[in-house]
Structure formats: C-alpha cells, structure tokens
C-alpha cells in the first residue's frame, strides 16, 4: 500500500483542542458496510444503533507520564514500565543528556537511540498528562483524558474512542473488558514510502479468561477503539491471554473476531488509519473522512467518533 493512500487534507480548525462539554454529546458518524447506508447521530444514541453486539472496551489508564526537566530544560515522557521496574521513555534534549545522571526524579540508565532511554523513576509517575502534540491548549480537567472505565495504569496515551462513554451509557451496554497499554508508537506516523515497510512496536495486553470466553461466545462483537481490535484479533489467532502484540493490521487483513468498530478520526499517515481502512475499505474510509470534513466533524483525540457496522 502506497503511503499516499493514507493522506488527506484537514483544516486545522477541525482539530479538537478540548473535549465536548458532555462526553456523550460528541457526534457519531454511522456507516453500514453491507448496505453503504450513512447516518449522523449523537454518541449518546449509540445503543440505538446496535443489534445485540457485545461491546468490548480497553480499560487501560493513562499515567501522568510527562515529567518536566529544569536543567537542561526539557522533559522525560514515560512510555512503558518494564518487568524489573525500570521504564522505557523518550527524553529531550537527548544530545545534552547523559547516561548515569539523575534529572529530578529520573535517572537515565542507557540511551537506546532515536531519543529513547532506559530510565529509573523514584516512586510512581507524578508528572503531567501526556497530551498529544496537536493539542496545544491546556486541559482544565485531566480526568477528561481518561475513560470513565479506566482501571489499569500503564498507558502513555488514551484509547480515545472510549472517551465518549458516560457511566450511564456504559451500564446500558454491559461491556466486556480487555487491557492494552498504549505506547506512543501506536500513533507514530508512517515515514516509509510503503506501509508494509513500517515497523510497528509491541504493546502489552492482558485479558481475563472469563472475559475472553464471553467475547469468543458472542454472536457479534463491537470493538471500542483500534487498541481493542489488536487485542481481540491477536487472541483470535491463538495468542496467549497475556503478553505483547505486534499485530500490524493493514488492508487485506482477515478479521476473525471483530464484527463492528467504534473509533475516532485518525491522523493521516498513521497505522490507526490503515487499520480503519482494513476494516471499512480504503476508498470507503476516504469517502467517510471527506464527508466528516465537509460536515465539520471534530478530529483526533478529543474529536467525534465513527461507528462502522
């Protein structure tokens, strides 16, 4: 797949800088793959669009992973806690940082290349909410970058399709839960000329046996977000209930357990957009994105959502 097929032009004013006033007040673009029907709804009407699908959510919790440095002025962004208690992190300015030195609560142990470091942290993460770089305005309530069902700390970014749910809507849907800790590589732009040449990094996941049995037995499954898709399709291919997934979903992929997808609108040249194209079709996705832009939908982490049935 040529990288140009993952491109589209987005007016900057459609990049949502703040979440909707109420979580479920976001807009919802509904697309039926079998019939081609399109409907424009509100997220609070999600349950009215479902027909018995088991909803599956990712209950990972974003850690306060952005730790500012005062000298030299910069920051450490925690990516993943390793089994021995150390962390993989991004740190800048890398050229002015030295292995073996302590910077506030962070000790840099080893430079891993490309701005990545192995670090040791004093205590638990106590930094700032790691908002994506395209959100340039401050977030008044850090809880709005968490899903209402988040319970397992470990992510460097939110599974944003779940940000629209309220406790009341969640109770109506009775979802099953999986856990995948989101690393920033999920959102890293593809820079190679062809999608197939891009290397996707692994992410840790865990699913309780009871939850997987419920998911496996369901007649139809709605995955909330691309991270949930990666977990379910990893397990559907015989993956263990806990481990790391490096599953790279691109057009031509055979979906074995995901029958419907709820997702936000993603950045161009991203693996997330490629996953959506794999599920809905390349031209169909491009057409839906054009419609969303024409209709003034809000894009990216705090933006609106799309339901692919």
C-alpha atoms as a PDB file:
ATOM      1  CA  UNK A   1       0.000   0.000   0.000  1.00  0.00           C
ATOM      2  CA  UNK A   2       1.485   3.320  -1.073  1.00  0.00           C
ATOM      3  CA  UNK A   3       1.786   5.860   1.738  1.00  0.00           C
ATOM      4  CA  UNK A   4      -0.055   8.494  -0.312  1.00  0.00           C
ATOM      5  CA  UNK A   5      -3.264   6.494   0.183  1.00  0.00           C
ATOM      6  CA  UNK A   6      -3.098   7.383   3.891  1.00  0.00           C
ATOM      7  CA  UNK A   7      -3.022  11.119   3.166  1.00  0.00           C
ATOM      8  CA  UNK A   8      -5.843  13.633   3.431  1.00  0.00           C
ATOM      9  CA  UNK A   9      -6.130  17.377   3.937  1.00  0.00           C
ATOM     10  CA  UNK A  10      -7.663  18.527   7.233  1.00  0.00           C
ATOM     11  CA  UNK A  11      -8.485  22.173   8.005  1.00  0.00           C
ATOM     12  CA  UNK A  12      -6.603  22.997  11.240  1.00  0.00           C
ATOM     13  CA  UNK A  13      -9.756  24.346  12.868  1.00  0.00           C
ATOM     14  CA  UNK A  14     -11.223  20.805  12.871  1.00  0.00           C
ATOM     15  CA  UNK A  15      -8.526  19.515  15.234  1.00  0.00           C
ATOM     16  CA  UNK A  16     -10.395  19.391  18.543  1.00  0.00           C
ATOM     17  CA  UNK A  17      -8.481  21.221  21.279  1.00  0.00           C
ATOM     18  CA  UNK A  18     -10.966  20.434  24.049  1.00  0.00           C
ATOM     19  CA  UNK A  19     -13.376  17.571  24.768  1.00  0.00           C
ATOM     20  CA  UNK A  20     -17.096  18.074  24.244  1.00  0.00           C
ATOM     21  CA  UNK A  21     -18.955  19.634  27.169  1.00  0.00           C
ATOM     22  CA  UNK A  22     -20.569  16.269  27.903  1.00  0.00           C
ATOM     23  CA  UNK A  23     -18.789  13.081  26.942  1.00  0.00           C
ATOM     24  CA  UNK A  24     -21.691  11.560  25.030  1.00  0.00           C
ATOM     25  CA  UNK A  25     -22.604  14.832  23.279  1.00  0.00           C
ATOM     26  CA  UNK A  26     -19.982  14.118  20.603  1.00  0.00           C
ATOM     27  CA  UNK A  27     -21.216  13.456  17.093  1.00  0.00           C
ATOM     28  CA  UNK A  28     -21.328   9.903  15.740  1.00  0.00           C
ATOM     29  CA  UNK A  29     -20.974   9.106  12.045  1.00  0.00           C
ATOM     30  CA  UNK A  30     -22.560   5.688  11.399  1.00  0.00           C
ATOM     31  CA  UNK A  31     -21.640   3.597   8.349  1.00  0.00           C
ATOM     32  CA  UNK A  32     -23.186   0.240   7.425  1.00  0.00           C
ATOM     33  CA  UNK A  33     -20.605  -1.684   5.435  1.00  0.00           C
ATOM     34  CA  UNK A  34     -23.099  -4.105   3.887  1.00  0.00           C
ATOM     35  CA  UNK A  35     -25.589  -1.542   2.587  1.00  0.00           C
ATOM     36  CA  UNK A  36     -23.477   1.613   2.371  1.00  0.00           C
ATOM     37  CA  UNK A  37     -26.042   3.496   4.481  1.00  0.00           C
ATOM     38  CA  UNK A  38     -24.753   6.515   6.408  1.00  0.00           C
ATOM     39  CA  UNK A  39     -26.409   8.181   9.400  1.00  0.00           C
ATOM     40  CA  UNK A  40     -25.355  11.126  11.536  1.00  0.00           C
ATOM     41  CA  UNK A  41     -26.173  10.686  15.224  1.00  0.00           C
ATOM     42  CA  UNK A  42     -25.022  11.751  18.685  1.00  0.00           C
ATOM     43  CA  UNK A  43     -22.827   9.423  20.687  1.00  0.00           C
ATOM     44  CA  UNK A  44     -25.477   9.140  23.377  1.00  0.00           C
ATOM     45  CA  UNK A  45     -27.617   7.334  20.769  1.00  0.00           C
ATOM     46  CA  UNK A  46     -25.037   4.559  20.319  1.00  0.00           C
ATOM     47  CA  UNK A  47     -27.197   1.890  21.926  1.00  0.00           C
ATOM     48  CA  UNK A  48     -29.959   2.568  19.375  1.00  0.00           C
ATOM     49  CA  UNK A  49     -27.567   1.648  16.556  1.00  0.00           C
ATOM     50  CA  UNK A  50     -26.572  -1.732  17.979  1.00  0.00           C
ATOM     51  CA  UNK A  51     -28.270  -5.049  17.331  1.00  0.00           C
ATOM     52  CA  UNK A  52     -27.015  -7.389  20.007  1.00  0.00           C
ATOM     53  CA  UNK A  53     -23.286  -6.768  19.598  1.00  0.00           C
ATOM     54  CA  UNK A  54     -21.138  -7.401  22.651  1.00  0.00           C
ATOM     55  CA  UNK A  55     -19.249  -4.167  23.334  1.00  0.00           C
ATOM     56  CA  UNK A  56     -15.583  -4.639  24.264  1.00  0.00           C
ATOM     57  CA  UNK A  57     -13.554  -1.801  25.815  1.00  0.00           C
ATOM     58  CA  UNK A  58      -9.893  -1.278  26.696  1.00  0.00           C
ATOM     59  CA  UNK A  59      -9.688  -0.385  30.401  1.00  0.00           C
ATOM     60  CA  UNK A  60      -6.100   0.843  30.427  1.00  0.00           C
ATOM     61  CA  UNK A  61      -5.400   4.013  32.406  1.00  0.00           C
ATOM     62  CA  UNK A  62      -3.127   6.853  31.299  1.00  0.00           C
ATOM     63  CA  UNK A  63      -0.305   7.542  33.739  1.00  0.00           C
ATOM     64  CA  UNK A  64       0.882  11.141  34.441  1.00  0.00           C
ATOM     65  CA  UNK A  65       3.883  10.359  32.290  1.00  0.00           C
ATOM     66  CA  UNK A  66       5.212  13.751  31.149  1.00  0.00           C
ATOM     67  CA  UNK A  67       7.965  14.785  33.602  1.00  0.00           C
ATOM     68  CA  UNK A  68       9.491  18.239  33.048  1.00  0.00           C
ATOM     69  CA  UNK A  69      13.241  18.802  33.364  1.00  0.00           C
ATOM     70  CA  UNK A  70      14.619  22.113  34.583  1.00  0.00           C
ATOM     71  CA  UNK A  71      18.315  21.775  33.708  1.00  0.00           C
ATOM     72  CA  UNK A  72      18.687  21.303  30.827  1.00  0.00           C
ATOM     73  CA  UNK A  73      15.182  22.476  30.071  1.00  0.00           C
ATOM     74  CA  UNK A  74      13.252  19.613  28.558  1.00  0.00           C
ATOM     75  CA  UNK A  75      11.177  16.607  29.546  1.00  0.00           C
ATOM     76  CA  UNK A  76      11.022  12.865  30.003  1.00  0.00           C
ATOM     77  CA  UNK A  77       7.987  11.054  28.639  1.00  0.00           C
ATOM     78  CA  UNK A  78       7.462   7.620  30.196  1.00  0.00           C
ATOM     79  CA  UNK A  79       6.380   5.034  27.632  1.00  0.00           C
ATOM     80  CA  UNK A  80       6.309   1.640  29.316  1.00  0.00           C
ATOM     81  CA  UNK A  81       7.152   0.140  32.699  1.00  0.00           C
ATOM     82  CA  UNK A  82       9.328  -2.968  32.324  1.00  0.00           C
ATOM     83  CA  UNK A  83       9.235  -6.086  34.482  1.00  0.00           C
ATOM     84  CA  UNK A  84      12.251  -5.023  36.569  1.00  0.00           C
ATOM     85  CA  UNK A  85      10.607  -1.703  37.500  1.00  0.00           C
ATOM     86  CA  UNK A  86      12.568   0.464  35.069  1.00  0.00           C
ATOM     87  CA  UNK A  87      10.890   2.397  32.268  1.00  0.00           C
ATOM     88  CA  UNK A  88      11.366   2.954  28.578  1.00  0.00           C
ATOM     89  CA  UNK A  89      10.996   6.668  27.909  1.00  0.00           C
ATOM     90  CA  UNK A  90      11.552   9.471  25.455  1.00  0.00           C
ATOM     91  CA  UNK A  91      13.791  12.254  26.730  1.00  0.00           C
ATOM     92  CA  UNK A  92      14.782  15.608  25.289  1.00  0.00           C
ATOM     93  CA  UNK A  93      17.080  17.330  24.606  1.00  0.00           C
ATOM     94  CA  UNK A  94      18.810  13.962  24.103  1.00  0.00           C
ATOM     95  CA  UNK A  95      22.145  15.425  22.988  1.00  0.00           C
ATOM     96  CA  UNK A  96      22.525  17.303  26.274  1.00  0.00           C
ATOM     97  CA  UNK A  97      21.551  14.394  28.498  1.00  0.00           C
ATOM     98  CA  UNK A  98      23.998  11.856  29.884  1.00  0.00           C
ATOM     99  CA  UNK A  99      23.564   8.237  30.935  1.00  0.00           C
ATOM    100  CA  UNK A 100      24.188   7.691  34.648  1.00  0.00           C
ATOM    101  CA  UNK A 101      22.969  11.169  35.581  1.00  0.00           C
ATOM    102  CA  UNK A 102      19.908  11.992  37.660  1.00  0.00           C
ATOM    103  CA  UNK A 103      17.468  14.663  36.500  1.00  0.00           C
ATOM    104  CA  UNK A 104      14.929  15.356  39.234  1.00  0.00           C
ATOM    105  CA  UNK A 105      13.065  12.114  39.978  1.00  0.00           C
ATOM    106  CA  UNK A 106      14.503  10.381  36.884  1.00  0.00           C
ATOM    107  CA  UNK A 107      17.835   8.567  36.489  1.00  0.00           C
ATOM    108  CA  UNK A 108      18.896   7.978  32.899  1.00  0.00           C
ATOM    109  CA  UNK A 109      20.406   4.496  32.637  1.00  0.00           C
ATOM    110  CA  UNK A 110      21.042   3.917  28.936  1.00  0.00           C
ATOM    111  CA  UNK A 111      20.409   5.704  25.633  1.00  0.00           C
ATOM    112  CA  UNK A 112      18.562   3.298  23.308  1.00  0.00           C
ATOM    113  CA  UNK A 113      18.712   5.507  20.209  1.00  0.00           C
ATOM    114  CA  UNK A 114      16.242   7.843  18.476  1.00  0.00           C
ATOM    115  CA  UNK A 115      15.590   9.758  21.704  1.00  0.00           C
ATOM    116  CA  UNK A 116      14.633   6.614  23.632  1.00  0.00           C
ATOM    117  CA  UNK A 117      16.099   5.929  27.056  1.00  0.00           C
ATOM    118  CA  UNK A 118      16.020   3.286  29.731  1.00  0.00           C
ATOM    119  CA  UNK A 119      15.291   5.171  32.954  1.00  0.00           C
ATOM    120  CA  UNK A 120      14.677   4.550  36.641  1.00  0.00           C
ATOM    121  CA  UNK A 121      11.968   6.585  38.355  1.00  0.00           C
ATOM    122  CA  UNK A 122      11.730   7.471  42.029  1.00  0.00           C
ATOM    123  CA  UNK A 123       8.320   6.243  43.177  1.00  0.00           C
ATOM    124  CA  UNK A 124       5.250   6.290  40.965  1.00  0.00           C
ATOM    125  CA  UNK A 125       4.778   8.642  37.992  1.00  0.00           C
ATOM    126  CA  UNK A 126       3.741  12.083  39.216  1.00  0.00           C
ATOM    127  CA  UNK A 127       4.140  14.225  36.122  1.00  0.00           C
ATOM    128  CA  UNK A 128       1.666  15.863  33.773  1.00  0.00           C
ATOM    129  CA  UNK A 129      -0.991  14.374  31.491  1.00  0.00           C
ATOM    130  CA  UNK A 130       0.775  13.351  28.239  1.00  0.00           C
ATOM    131  CA  UNK A 131      -1.475  15.089  25.713  1.00  0.00           C
ATOM    132  CA  UNK A 132      -0.679  14.602  22.005  1.00  0.00           C
ATOM    133  CA  UNK A 133       1.382  17.389  20.382  1.00  0.00           C
ATOM    134  CA  UNK A 134      -1.508  18.552  18.174  1.00  0.00           C
ATOM    135  CA  UNK A 135      -3.406  19.607  21.319  1.00  0.00           C
ATOM    136  CA  UNK A 136      -1.801  22.958  22.050  1.00  0.00           C
ATOM    137  CA  UNK A 137      -4.254  24.352  24.597  1.00  0.00           C
ATOM    138  CA  UNK A 138      -4.191  23.360  28.290  1.00  0.00           C
ATOM    139  CA  UNK A 139      -6.615  20.764  29.616  1.00  0.00           C
ATOM    140  CA  UNK A 140      -8.533  22.104  32.602  1.00  0.00           C
ATOM    141  CA  UNK A 141      -9.615  18.662  33.840  1.00  0.00           C
ATOM    142  CA  UNK A 142      -7.071  15.816  33.382  1.00  0.00           C
ATOM    143  CA  UNK A 143      -9.862  13.291  34.018  1.00  0.00           C
ATOM    144  CA  UNK A 144     -11.237  14.101  30.552  1.00  0.00           C
ATOM    145  CA  UNK A 145      -8.188  12.340  29.067  1.00  0.00           C
ATOM    146  CA  UNK A 146      -9.244   9.148  30.869  1.00  0.00           C
ATOM    147  CA  UNK A 147     -12.133   6.860  30.045  1.00  0.00           C
ATOM    148  CA  UNK A 148     -14.721   6.504  32.818  1.00  0.00           C
ATOM    149  CA  UNK A 149     -13.885   2.792  32.985  1.00  0.00           C
ATOM    150  CA  UNK A 150     -10.067   3.162  33.167  1.00  0.00           C
ATOM    151  CA  UNK A 151      -8.606   0.999  35.951  1.00  0.00           C
ATOM    152  CA  UNK A 152      -5.228  -0.491  34.921  1.00  0.00           C
ATOM    153  CA  UNK A 153      -2.430   2.172  34.914  1.00  0.00           C
ATOM    154  CA  UNK A 154       0.127   1.793  32.162  1.00  0.00           C
ATOM    155  CA  UNK A 155      -0.622   3.880  29.057  1.00  0.00           C
ATOM    156  CA  UNK A 156       1.238   6.823  27.584  1.00  0.00           C
ATOM    157  CA  UNK A 157      -1.852   7.838  25.596  1.00  0.00           C
ATOM    158  CA  UNK A 158      -5.587   7.372  25.991  1.00  0.00           C
ATOM    159  CA  UNK A 159      -7.639   4.845  23.992  1.00  0.00           C
ATOM    160  CA  UNK A 160      -9.598   7.799  22.686  1.00  0.00           C
ATOM    161  CA  UNK A 161     -12.650   6.024  21.226  1.00  0.00           C
ATOM    162  CA  UNK A 162     -13.671   5.293  24.805  1.00  0.00           C
ATOM    163  CA  UNK A 163     -13.557   8.915  25.960  1.00  0.00           C
ATOM    164  CA  UNK A 164     -17.173   9.417  24.790  1.00  0.00           C
ATOM    165  CA  UNK A 165     -18.753   6.953  27.230  1.00  0.00           C
ATOM    166  CA  UNK A 166     -20.630   8.055  30.336  1.00  0.00           C
ATOM    167  CA  UNK A 167     -21.268   5.747  33.316  1.00  0.00           C
ATOM    168  CA  UNK A 168     -24.953   5.646  32.386  1.00  0.00           C
ATOM    169  CA  UNK A 169     -24.298   4.587  28.788  1.00  0.00           C
ATOM    170  CA  UNK A 170     -21.749   2.046  29.968  1.00  0.00           C
ATOM    171  CA  UNK A 171     -24.285   0.483  32.294  1.00  0.00           C
ATOM    172  CA  UNK A 172     -26.777   0.073  29.449  1.00  0.00           C
ATOM    173  CA  UNK A 173     -24.212  -1.725  27.282  1.00  0.00           C
ATOM    174  CA  UNK A 174     -22.616  -4.037  29.897  1.00  0.00           C
ATOM    175  CA  UNK A 175     -19.255  -4.264  28.067  1.00  0.00           C
ATOM    176  CA  UNK A 176     -16.525  -6.860  28.341  1.00  0.00           C
ATOM    177  CA  UNK A 177     -13.060  -5.547  29.235  1.00  0.00           C
ATOM    178  CA  UNK A 178      -9.594  -6.119  27.879  1.00  0.00           C
ATOM    179  CA  UNK A 179      -6.387  -4.265  28.728  1.00  0.00           C
ATOM    180  CA  UNK A 180      -3.792  -2.979  26.271  1.00  0.00           C
ATOM    181  CA  UNK A 181      -1.302  -0.377  27.460  1.00  0.00           C
ATOM    182  CA  UNK A 182      -0.968   2.188  24.692  1.00  0.00           C
ATOM    183  CA  UNK A 183       2.538   3.244  23.670  1.00  0.00           C
ATOM    184  CA  UNK A 184       3.259   6.276  21.545  1.00  0.00           C
ATOM    185  CA  UNK A 185       4.436   4.060  18.686  1.00  0.00           C
ATOM    186  CA  UNK A 186       0.772   3.302  18.033  1.00  0.00           C
ATOM    187  CA  UNK A 187       0.418   6.926  16.930  1.00  0.00           C
ATOM    188  CA  UNK A 188       3.834   7.309  15.278  1.00  0.00           C
ATOM    189  CA  UNK A 189       3.440   8.494  11.664  1.00  0.00           C
ATOM    190  CA  UNK A 190       4.459   6.126   8.905  1.00  0.00           C
ATOM    191  CA  UNK A 191       7.521   7.588   7.178  1.00  0.00           C
ATOM    192  CA  UNK A 192       8.466   4.793   4.770  1.00  0.00           C
ATOM    193  CA  UNK A 193       7.256   5.018   1.189  1.00  0.00           C
ATOM    194  CA  UNK A 194       5.151   1.896   1.538  1.00  0.00           C
ATOM    195  CA  UNK A 195       3.055   0.873   4.515  1.00  0.00           C
ATOM    196  CA  UNK A 196       4.449  -2.666   4.506  1.00  0.00           C
ATOM    197  CA  UNK A 197       7.950  -1.340   5.291  1.00  0.00           C
ATOM    198  CA  UNK A 198       6.822   0.294   8.537  1.00  0.00           C
ATOM    199  CA  UNK A 199       7.801  -1.446  11.768  1.00  0.00           C
ATOM    200  CA  UNK A 200       5.160  -1.402  14.498  1.00  0.00           C
ATOM    201  CA  UNK A 201       6.324  -1.873  18.081  1.00  0.00           C
ATOM    202  CA  UNK A 202       4.765  -4.276  20.529  1.00  0.00           C
ATOM    203  CA  UNK A 203       2.363  -3.309  23.294  1.00  0.00           C
ATOM    204  CA  UNK A 204       1.476  -5.217  26.467  1.00  0.00           C
ATOM    205  CA  UNK A 205      -2.003  -6.631  26.868  1.00  0.00           C
ATOM    206  CA  UNK A 206      -3.940  -8.841  29.264  1.00  0.00           C
ATOM    207  CA  UNK A 207      -7.409 -10.404  29.145  1.00  0.00           C
ATOM    208  CA  UNK A 208      -9.130 -12.361  31.904  1.00  0.00           C
ATOM    209  CA  UNK A 209     -10.180 -15.871  30.917  1.00  0.00           C
ATOM    210  CA  UNK A 210     -13.817 -15.194  31.805  1.00  0.00           C
ATOM    211  CA  UNK A 211     -13.874 -12.086  29.609  1.00  0.00           C
ATOM    212  CA  UNK A 212     -12.355 -13.940  26.651  1.00  0.00           C
ATOM    213  CA  UNK A 213     -14.874 -16.754  26.960  1.00  0.00           C
ATOM    214  CA  UNK A 214     -17.678 -14.197  26.848  1.00  0.00           C
ATOM    215  CA  UNK A 215     -16.118 -12.491  23.821  1.00  0.00           C
ATOM    216  CA  UNK A 216     -15.444 -15.740  21.997  1.00  0.00           C
ATOM    217  CA  UNK A 217     -19.026 -16.920  22.501  1.00  0.00           C
ATOM    218  CA  UNK A 218     -20.666 -13.670  21.330  1.00  0.00           C
ATOM    219  CA  UNK A 219     -22.589 -13.713  18.053  1.00  0.00           C
ATOM    220  CA  UNK A 220     -21.201 -10.281  17.154  1.00  0.00           C
ATOM    221  CA  UNK A 221     -18.505  -8.135  18.748  1.00  0.00           C
ATOM    222  CA  UNK A 222     -18.115  -4.336  18.693  1.00  0.00           C
ATOM    223  CA  UNK A 223     -14.534  -3.287  19.417  1.00  0.00           C
ATOM    224  CA  UNK A 224     -14.218   0.134  21.025  1.00  0.00           C
ATOM    225  CA  UNK A 225     -11.060   1.554  19.505  1.00  0.00           C
ATOM    226  CA  UNK A 226      -8.167   0.249  17.442  1.00  0.00           C
ATOM    227  CA  UNK A 227      -6.286  -0.934  20.534  1.00  0.00           C
ATOM    228  CA  UNK A 228      -9.165  -3.262  21.404  1.00  0.00           C
ATOM    229  CA  UNK A 229      -9.115  -4.581  17.837  1.00  0.00           C
ATOM    230  CA  UNK A 230      -5.446  -5.520  18.134  1.00  0.00           C
ATOM    231  CA  UNK A 231      -6.065  -7.462  21.350  1.00  0.00           C
ATOM    232  CA  UNK A 232      -9.092  -9.344  20.032  1.00  0.00           C
ATOM    233  CA  UNK A 233      -7.504 -10.250  16.718  1.00  0.00           C
ATOM    234  CA  UNK A 234      -4.311 -11.358  18.489  1.00  0.00           C
ATOM    235  CA  UNK A 235      -6.311 -13.717  20.695  1.00  0.00           C
ATOM    236  CA  UNK A 236      -8.380 -14.917  17.748  1.00  0.00           C
ATOM    237  CA  UNK A 237      -5.114 -16.081  16.170  1.00  0.00           C
ATOM    238  CA  UNK A 238      -4.183 -18.171  19.177  1.00  0.00           C
ATOM    239  CA  UNK A 239      -2.295 -15.557  21.179  1.00  0.00           C
ATOM    240  CA  UNK A 240      -1.986 -16.044  24.970  1.00  0.00           C
ATOM    241  CA  UNK A 241      -4.289 -14.244  27.401  1.00  0.00           C
ATOM    242  CA  UNK A 242      -1.373 -12.038  28.481  1.00  0.00           C
ATOM    243  CA  UNK A 243       1.659 -10.937  26.511  1.00  0.00           C
ATOM    244  CA  UNK A 244       2.745  -8.492  23.837  1.00  0.00           C
ATOM    245  CA  UNK A 245       1.135  -7.946  20.472  1.00  0.00           C
ATOM    246  CA  UNK A 246       2.951  -6.770  17.377  1.00  0.00           C
ATOM    247  CA  UNK A 247      -0.064  -7.355  15.155  1.00  0.00           C
ATOM    248  CA  UNK A 248       0.023  -4.883  12.257  1.00  0.00           C
ATOM    249  CA  UNK A 249      -3.429  -4.603  10.662  1.00  0.00           C
ATOM    250  CA  UNK A 250      -3.420  -3.264   7.104  1.00  0.00           C
ATOM    251  CA  UNK A 251      -5.819  -3.519   4.135  1.00  0.00           C
ATOM    252  CA  UNK A 252      -6.302  -7.153   3.163  1.00  0.00           C
ATOM    253  CA  UNK A 253      -6.357  -8.319   6.786  1.00  0.00           C
ATOM    254  CA  UNK A 254      -8.867 -11.050   7.686  1.00  0.00           C
ATOM    255  CA  UNK A 255     -10.867 -10.076  10.779  1.00  0.00           C
ATOM    256  CA  UNK A 256     -11.769 -13.138  12.830  1.00  0.00           C
ATOM    257  CA  UNK A 257     -13.433 -11.698  15.959  1.00  0.00           C
ATOM    258  CA  UNK A 258     -14.268  -8.035  15.333  1.00  0.00           C
ATOM    259  CA  UNK A 259     -17.620  -7.508  13.598  1.00  0.00           C
ATOM    260  CA  UNK A 260     -18.093  -3.780  14.230  1.00  0.00           C
ATOM    261  CA  UNK A 261     -15.721  -0.953  15.128  1.00  0.00           C
ATOM    262  CA  UNK A 262     -16.151   2.260  17.089  1.00  0.00           C
ATOM    263  CA  UNK A 263     -13.295   4.674  16.503  1.00  0.00           C
ATOM    264  CA  UNK A 264     -12.303   8.333  16.414  1.00  0.00           C
ATOM    265  CA  UNK A 265     -10.952  10.101  13.313  1.00  0.00           C
ATOM    266  CA  UNK A 266      -7.213   9.476  12.974  1.00  0.00           C
ATOM    267  CA  UNK A 267      -4.177  11.326  11.715  1.00  0.00           C
ATOM    268  CA  UNK A 268      -3.058  10.916   8.103  1.00  0.00           C
ATOM    269  CA  UNK A 269      -0.148   8.537   7.510  1.00  0.00           C
ATOM    270  CA  UNK A 270      -0.911   6.642  10.717  1.00  0.00           C
ATOM    271  CA  UNK A 271      -1.174   2.911  11.360  1.00  0.00           C
ATOM    272  CA  UNK A 272      -4.535   3.609  13.004  1.00  0.00           C
ATOM    273  CA  UNK A 273      -5.970   4.987   9.770  1.00  0.00           C
ATOM    274  CA  UNK A 274      -4.597   1.929   7.955  1.00  0.00           C
ATOM    275  CA  UNK A 275      -6.453  -0.311  10.420  1.00  0.00           C
ATOM    276  CA  UNK A 276      -9.730   1.531   9.789  1.00  0.00           C
ATOM    277  CA  UNK A 277      -9.176   1.171   6.041  1.00  0.00           C
ATOM    278  CA  UNK A 278      -8.581  -2.549   6.532  1.00  0.00           C
ATOM    279  CA  UNK A 279     -11.963  -2.816   8.248  1.00  0.00           C
ATOM    280  CA  UNK A 280     -14.121  -0.484   6.152  1.00  0.00           C
ATOM    281  CA  UNK A 281     -12.256  -0.394   2.830  1.00  0.00           C
ATOM    282  CA  UNK A 282      -9.725   2.118   1.525  1.00  0.00           C
ATOM    283  CA  UNK A 283     -11.998   4.177  -0.724  1.00  0.00           C
ATOM    284  CA  UNK A 284     -14.935   3.844   1.669  1.00  0.00           C
ATOM    285  CA  UNK A 285     -12.821   5.279   4.509  1.00  0.00           C
ATOM    286  CA  UNK A 286     -11.540   8.116   2.356  1.00  0.00           C
ATOM    287  CA  UNK A 287     -15.144   8.941   1.387  1.00  0.00           C
ATOM    288  CA  UNK A 288     -16.263   8.909   5.034  1.00  0.00           C
ATOM    289  CA  UNK A 289     -13.415  11.219   6.011  1.00  0.00           C
ATOM    290  CA  UNK A 290     -14.306  13.628   3.202  1.00  0.00           C
ATOM    291  CA  UNK A 291     -17.910  13.669   4.434  1.00  0.00           C
ATOM    292  CA  UNK A 292     -16.799  14.248   8.026  1.00  0.00           C
ATOM    293  CA  UNK A 293     -14.670  17.203   6.939  1.00  0.00           C
ATOM    294  CA  UNK A 294     -17.489  18.667   4.840  1.00  0.00           C
ATOM    295  CA  UNK A 295     -19.875  18.328   7.799  1.00  0.00           C
ATOM    296  CA  UNK A 296     -17.439  19.922  10.245  1.00  0.00           C
ATOM    297  CA  UNK A 297     -16.787  16.906  12.467  1.00  0.00           C
ATOM    298  CA  UNK A 298     -14.097  17.356  15.105  1.00  0.00           C
ATOM    299  CA  UNK A 299     -10.977  15.231  14.631  1.00  0.00           C
ATOM    300  CA  UNK A 300      -8.412  13.325  16.693  1.00  0.00           C
ATOM    301  CA  UNK A 301      -8.257  12.579  20.430  1.00  0.00           C
ATOM    302  CA  UNK A 302     -10.955  14.978  21.674  1.00  0.00           C
ATOM    303  CA  UNK A 303     -12.945  14.814  18.448  1.00  0.00           C
ATOM    304  CA  UNK A 304     -16.054  12.996  17.311  1.00  0.00           C
ATOM    305  CA  UNK A 305     -16.500   9.286  16.608  1.00  0.00           C
ATOM    306  CA  UNK A 306     -17.380   6.913  13.803  1.00  0.00           C
ATOM    307  CA  UNK A 307     -19.305   3.620  14.093  1.00  0.00           C
ATOM    308  CA  UNK A 308     -18.583   1.034  11.409  1.00  0.00           C
ATOM    309  CA  UNK A 309     -21.194  -1.720  11.360  1.00  0.00           C
END
